[in-house]
Structure formats: C-alpha cells, structure tokens
Amino acid sequence: MRVKICGITNLEDAQDAIKAGADALGFVFYEPSPRYIRPVDAREIVEQLPPFVQTVGLFVNESSKHINDKCKVAKMQLAQIIDDEDNTEFDNIDIKYVEVARVKSKEDLQDLDGKYVLVDAFVDGFGGEGKRIAIDWFEGLDVSRMIIAGGLNSTNLQELKGHKFFGVDVSSGVEASKGKKDRTKMMEFVQAANEI
C-alpha cells in the first residue's frame, strides 16, 4: 500500500519520512493551515530529496493559474486539490492532480466515478483534524483507486485490512506537534501500512 505523509514543513521531517518508507511527501499551500509552507521553502526541501519520492502540493479552493504557478515554483509533481467552491478549472492544470472528496455520509462515496481520488472526512476546516471516516461506509465499494485520509495512525490502520485501498495519507497521526513530525510515529505508520 502506498503511503503519503502530508504536512511536511522542514527538511529533517522530509528525510525522516523517506527513511521510514514514505512513497510521497505532501506540502500544504493553504495559508491558514498550521502546516503551511511557502512554495519557495518547499522547493529548497524538494531539491535535496532523493529520486523516486513523489512531491505533492495541497491546495484549497484555488484557481488553476494559482495552482500551476505554485507547483512550478515548488517543483511539485502532483497537485492535491480541494475544490468545494468550484474555483478550479481542472482542464487547465498543467501537472497531474488528484481531487479530494470530503465525505459526510456513505452516499457521498457512491458518486465517485472510478478515477483516482483522495477520500477524507468532512470537517469545517481543511485537513489535519484527525477525524475518521467510518470504515463500514466502504463495504461493497471498489476502493482500489481511493486514497484514504483522516484520523489514521499506526494503531488503527489494521481496520483497513481487506479493503485494498490504493493508498493512505497521514498528517496529524504522525506528528509530535502541529507541523512537526515524529520520527518513530512515521516509522510505525509505514510499517503498519505495509502489513495490511
């Protein structure tokens, strides 16, 4: 199972996440977030990463031009886009992207039409709240193109066993404090994900 560790704010955390076995690192370009990082600072981290680690920029209700500009500055390979307000013209995004579905109910999962999507629990804010989606909502669904996020940590990942999600996305579940990762928690999380 693929693992993305989101909310990277410094080089040490990025390097520790990679050593732990993360496949992708997420950088939050949403200014109100305590995990926000300026694109130019993200670029400094990215330029020191080894090959075969995907870089992902997280955006909230932004225009396509804004996303393209920030991804170029920060050298992002993928954009992760929350577009609750229909601000993003997806046809004009220059790089690969994955949309975020913020689900409130089991019914919200029925509308996802087979494309790769990141599924997160709906919260009033955006990300890193630790709120979980009820796993039984996924019963009977093809989740092979879904990346699940929200409230995950090394101790509850086993609940995903048998569902065959494409990947998992974690932020607060591997933190020492908001914006600062915990090396041991990251290692335990990736190990638990590999055992699913």
Protein backbone atom coordinates (compact mmCIF):
# COMPACT_ATOMS: atom_id res chain seq x y z
CA MET A 1 0.00 0.00 0.00
CA ARG A 2 1.28 3.44 -0.92
CA VAL A 3 1.88 5.93 1.88
CA LYS A 4 1.82 9.73 1.70
CA ILE A 5 2.98 11.74 4.68
CA CYS A 6 1.46 15.20 4.48
CA GLY A 7 2.20 18.50 6.15
CA ILE A 8 5.97 18.47 5.65
CA THR A 9 7.43 21.79 6.82
CA ASN A 10 11.16 21.12 7.15
CA LEU A 11 13.99 19.08 5.62
CA GLU A 12 14.56 16.88 8.69
CA ASP A 13 10.96 15.67 8.68
CA ALA A 14 11.13 15.06 4.93
CA GLN A 15 14.27 12.97 5.28
CA ASP A 16 12.85 11.03 8.24
CA ALA A 17 9.64 10.33 6.30
CA ILE A 18 11.66 8.94 3.39
CA LYS A 19 13.78 6.81 5.72
CA ALA A 20 10.55 5.49 7.22
CA GLY A 21 9.49 4.39 3.73
CA ALA A 22 7.00 7.04 2.59
CA ASP A 23 6.22 7.00 -1.13
CA ALA A 24 5.09 10.62 -1.27
CA LEU A 25 5.51 13.82 0.72
CA GLY A 26 2.77 16.43 0.96
CA PHE A 27 3.33 20.18 1.22
CA VAL A 28 0.42 22.36 2.32
CA PHE A 29 -0.01 25.54 0.29
CA TYR A 30 -3.09 26.68 2.21
CA GLU A 31 -2.04 29.69 4.29
CA PRO A 32 -4.45 29.33 7.26
CA SER A 33 -3.05 25.85 7.99
CA PRO A 34 -0.52 25.44 10.83
CA ARG A 35 1.33 23.18 8.37
CA TYR A 36 1.54 25.85 5.66
CA ILE A 37 4.85 26.17 3.86
CA ARG A 38 5.81 28.81 1.30
CA PRO A 39 6.39 27.31 -2.16
CA VAL A 40 9.94 28.69 -2.25
CA ASP A 41 10.72 26.95 1.06
CA ALA A 42 9.17 23.72 -0.18
CA ARG A 43 11.41 23.92 -3.23
CA GLU A 44 14.51 24.10 -1.04
CA ILE A 45 13.43 20.83 0.58
CA VAL A 46 12.45 19.18 -2.71
CA GLU A 47 15.81 19.94 -4.29
CA GLN A 48 17.51 17.88 -1.58
CA LEU A 49 15.26 14.82 -1.86
CA PRO A 50 16.45 11.54 -3.38
CA PRO A 51 14.84 10.18 -6.57
CA PHE A 52 11.63 8.12 -6.62
CA VAL A 53 9.88 10.16 -3.93
CA GLN A 54 6.77 11.94 -5.20
CA THR A 55 6.15 15.55 -4.17
CA VAL A 56 2.54 16.64 -3.70
CA GLY A 57 1.20 20.17 -3.25
CA LEU A 58 -2.09 20.58 -1.37
CA PHE A 59 -4.43 23.38 -2.46
CA VAL A 60 -7.82 24.58 -1.19
CA ASN A 61 -10.31 26.40 -3.45
CA GLU A 62 -7.68 27.95 -5.71
CA SER A 63 -7.66 28.88 -9.38
CA SER A 64 -5.86 26.73 -11.91
CA LYS A 65 -3.35 29.52 -12.53
CA HIS A 66 -2.55 29.78 -8.83
CA ILE A 67 -2.02 26.02 -8.60
CA ASN A 68 0.15 25.93 -11.72
CA ASP A 69 2.27 28.87 -10.55
CA LYS A 70 2.87 27.49 -7.04
CA CYS A 71 3.60 23.96 -8.29
CA LYS A 72 6.18 25.32 -10.71
CA VAL A 73 7.94 27.35 -8.02
CA ALA A 74 7.89 24.47 -5.53
CA LYS A 75 8.74 21.74 -8.08
CA MET A 76 5.66 19.69 -7.22
CA GLN A 77 4.95 16.56 -9.27
CA LEU A 78 1.30 16.23 -8.25
CA ALA A 79 -1.40 18.62 -7.06
CA GLN A 80 -3.90 17.51 -4.43
CA ILE A 81 -6.95 19.73 -4.83
CA ILE A 82 -9.90 20.51 -2.58
CA ASP A 83 -12.38 22.46 -4.72
CA ASP A 84 -15.52 22.88 -2.62
CA GLU A 85 -16.20 26.28 -4.23
CA ASP A 86 -15.70 25.27 -7.89
CA ASN A 87 -12.76 27.67 -8.31
CA THR A 88 -10.50 25.25 -10.15
CA GLU A 89 -10.64 24.71 -13.92
CA PHE A 90 -9.23 21.20 -13.92
CA ASP A 91 -8.71 21.14 -17.69
CA ASN A 92 -6.14 23.91 -17.23
CA ILE A 93 -3.99 22.21 -14.61
CA ASP A 94 -0.50 21.68 -16.04
CA ILE A 95 0.53 18.69 -13.90
CA LYS A 96 -1.09 15.50 -12.71
CA TYR A 97 -3.60 16.03 -9.94
CA VAL A 98 -5.87 14.15 -7.59
CA GLU A 99 -9.14 15.59 -6.34
CA VAL A 100 -10.13 15.39 -2.69
CA ALA A 101 -13.62 14.15 -1.81
CA ARG A 102 -14.62 15.37 1.64
CA VAL A 103 -17.35 12.94 2.59
CA LYS A 104 -20.13 13.49 5.10
CA SER A 105 -22.01 10.24 4.53
CA LYS A 106 -21.85 6.84 2.87
CA GLU A 107 -23.90 8.27 0.00
CA ASP A 108 -21.10 10.69 -0.88
CA LEU A 109 -18.91 7.70 -1.75
CA GLN A 110 -21.37 6.46 -4.36
CA ASP A 111 -20.70 9.47 -6.60
CA LEU A 112 -17.01 8.74 -7.13
CA ASP A 113 -16.72 7.51 -10.69
CA GLY A 114 -13.69 5.25 -10.84
CA LYS A 115 -10.95 7.88 -11.10
CA TYR A 116 -8.20 8.14 -8.51
CA VAL A 117 -9.46 10.21 -5.60
CA LEU A 118 -8.36 11.06 -2.09
CA VAL A 119 -11.20 10.46 0.36
CA ASP A 120 -11.20 12.45 3.59
CA ALA A 121 -13.73 13.05 6.36
CA PHE A 122 -15.57 16.35 6.06
CA VAL A 123 -14.56 18.93 8.67
CA ASP A 124 -15.26 22.65 8.81
CA GLY A 125 -11.56 23.38 8.42
CA PHE A 126 -9.21 21.79 5.90
CA GLY A 127 -7.02 18.85 6.85
CA GLY A 128 -5.07 17.66 9.82
CA GLU A 129 -8.09 17.47 12.14
CA GLY A 130 -7.78 13.74 12.80
CA LYS A 131 -11.43 12.99 12.01
CA ARG A 132 -12.07 9.49 10.68
CA ILE A 133 -14.42 8.10 8.07
CA ALA A 134 -16.50 5.11 9.16
CA ILE A 135 -14.83 2.11 7.53
CA ASP A 136 -18.16 0.32 7.07
CA TRP A 137 -19.14 3.04 4.58
CA PHE A 138 -16.74 1.38 2.12
CA GLU A 139 -18.36 -2.06 2.27
CA GLY A 140 -19.20 -3.30 -1.22
CA LEU A 141 -17.30 -0.49 -2.97
CA ASP A 142 -14.29 -0.77 -5.26
CA VAL A 143 -11.70 1.20 -3.30
CA SER A 144 -8.71 0.25 -5.45
CA ARG A 145 -8.40 3.84 -6.73
CA MET A 146 -9.08 5.51 -3.41
CA ILE A 147 -6.50 7.05 -1.10
CA ILE A 148 -7.98 7.23 2.39
CA ALA A 149 -7.14 10.04 4.81
CA GLY A 150 -8.42 11.34 8.11
CA GLY A 151 -7.65 10.19 11.62
CA LEU A 152 -5.27 7.40 10.63
CA ASN A 153 -2.42 6.23 12.82
CA SER A 154 -0.33 3.09 13.24
CA THR A 155 -2.77 1.54 15.72
CA ASN A 156 -5.96 1.82 13.64
CA LEU A 157 -4.60 1.00 10.17
CA GLN A 158 -5.43 -2.68 10.68
CA GLU A 159 -9.10 -1.75 10.33
CA LEU A 160 -8.43 -1.17 6.61
CA LYS A 161 -7.29 -4.76 6.09
CA GLY A 162 -9.13 -6.48 3.27
CA HIS A 163 -10.37 -3.27 1.66
CA LYS A 164 -7.46 -2.88 -0.81
CA PHE A 165 -7.22 0.91 -0.82
CA PHE A 166 -4.70 2.33 -3.28
CA GLY A 167 -3.02 4.26 -0.52
CA VAL A 168 -3.18 6.05 2.81
CA ASP A 169 -2.50 9.69 3.65
CA VAL A 170 -1.46 10.78 7.13
CA SER A 171 -0.60 14.09 8.75
CA SER A 172 -1.64 14.62 12.39
CA GLY A 173 -1.34 10.89 13.15
CA VAL A 174 2.47 11.04 12.85
CA GLU A 175 3.11 14.40 14.49
CA ALA A 176 4.87 15.43 17.66
CA SER A 177 3.06 18.79 17.37
CA LYS A 178 1.27 20.61 14.55
CA GLY A 179 3.74 21.00 11.71
CA LYS A 180 6.44 18.87 13.33
CA LYS A 181 6.64 15.13 12.61
CA ASP A 182 7.62 12.36 14.99
CA ARG A 183 10.24 10.02 13.50
CA THR A 184 9.10 6.95 15.45
CA LYS A 185 5.42 7.51 14.64
CA MET A 186 6.27 7.75 10.93
CA MET A 187 8.24 4.52 11.03
CA GLU A 188 5.46 2.71 12.89
CA PHE A 189 2.84 4.05 10.49
CA VAL A 190 4.64 2.93 7.34
CA GLN A 191 5.38 -0.47 8.86
CA ALA A 192 1.70 -0.90 9.78
CA ALA A 193 0.63 0.15 6.26
CA ASN A 194 2.98 -2.43 4.76
CA GLU A 195 1.35 -5.15 6.84
CA ILE A 196 -2.15 -4.52 5.52
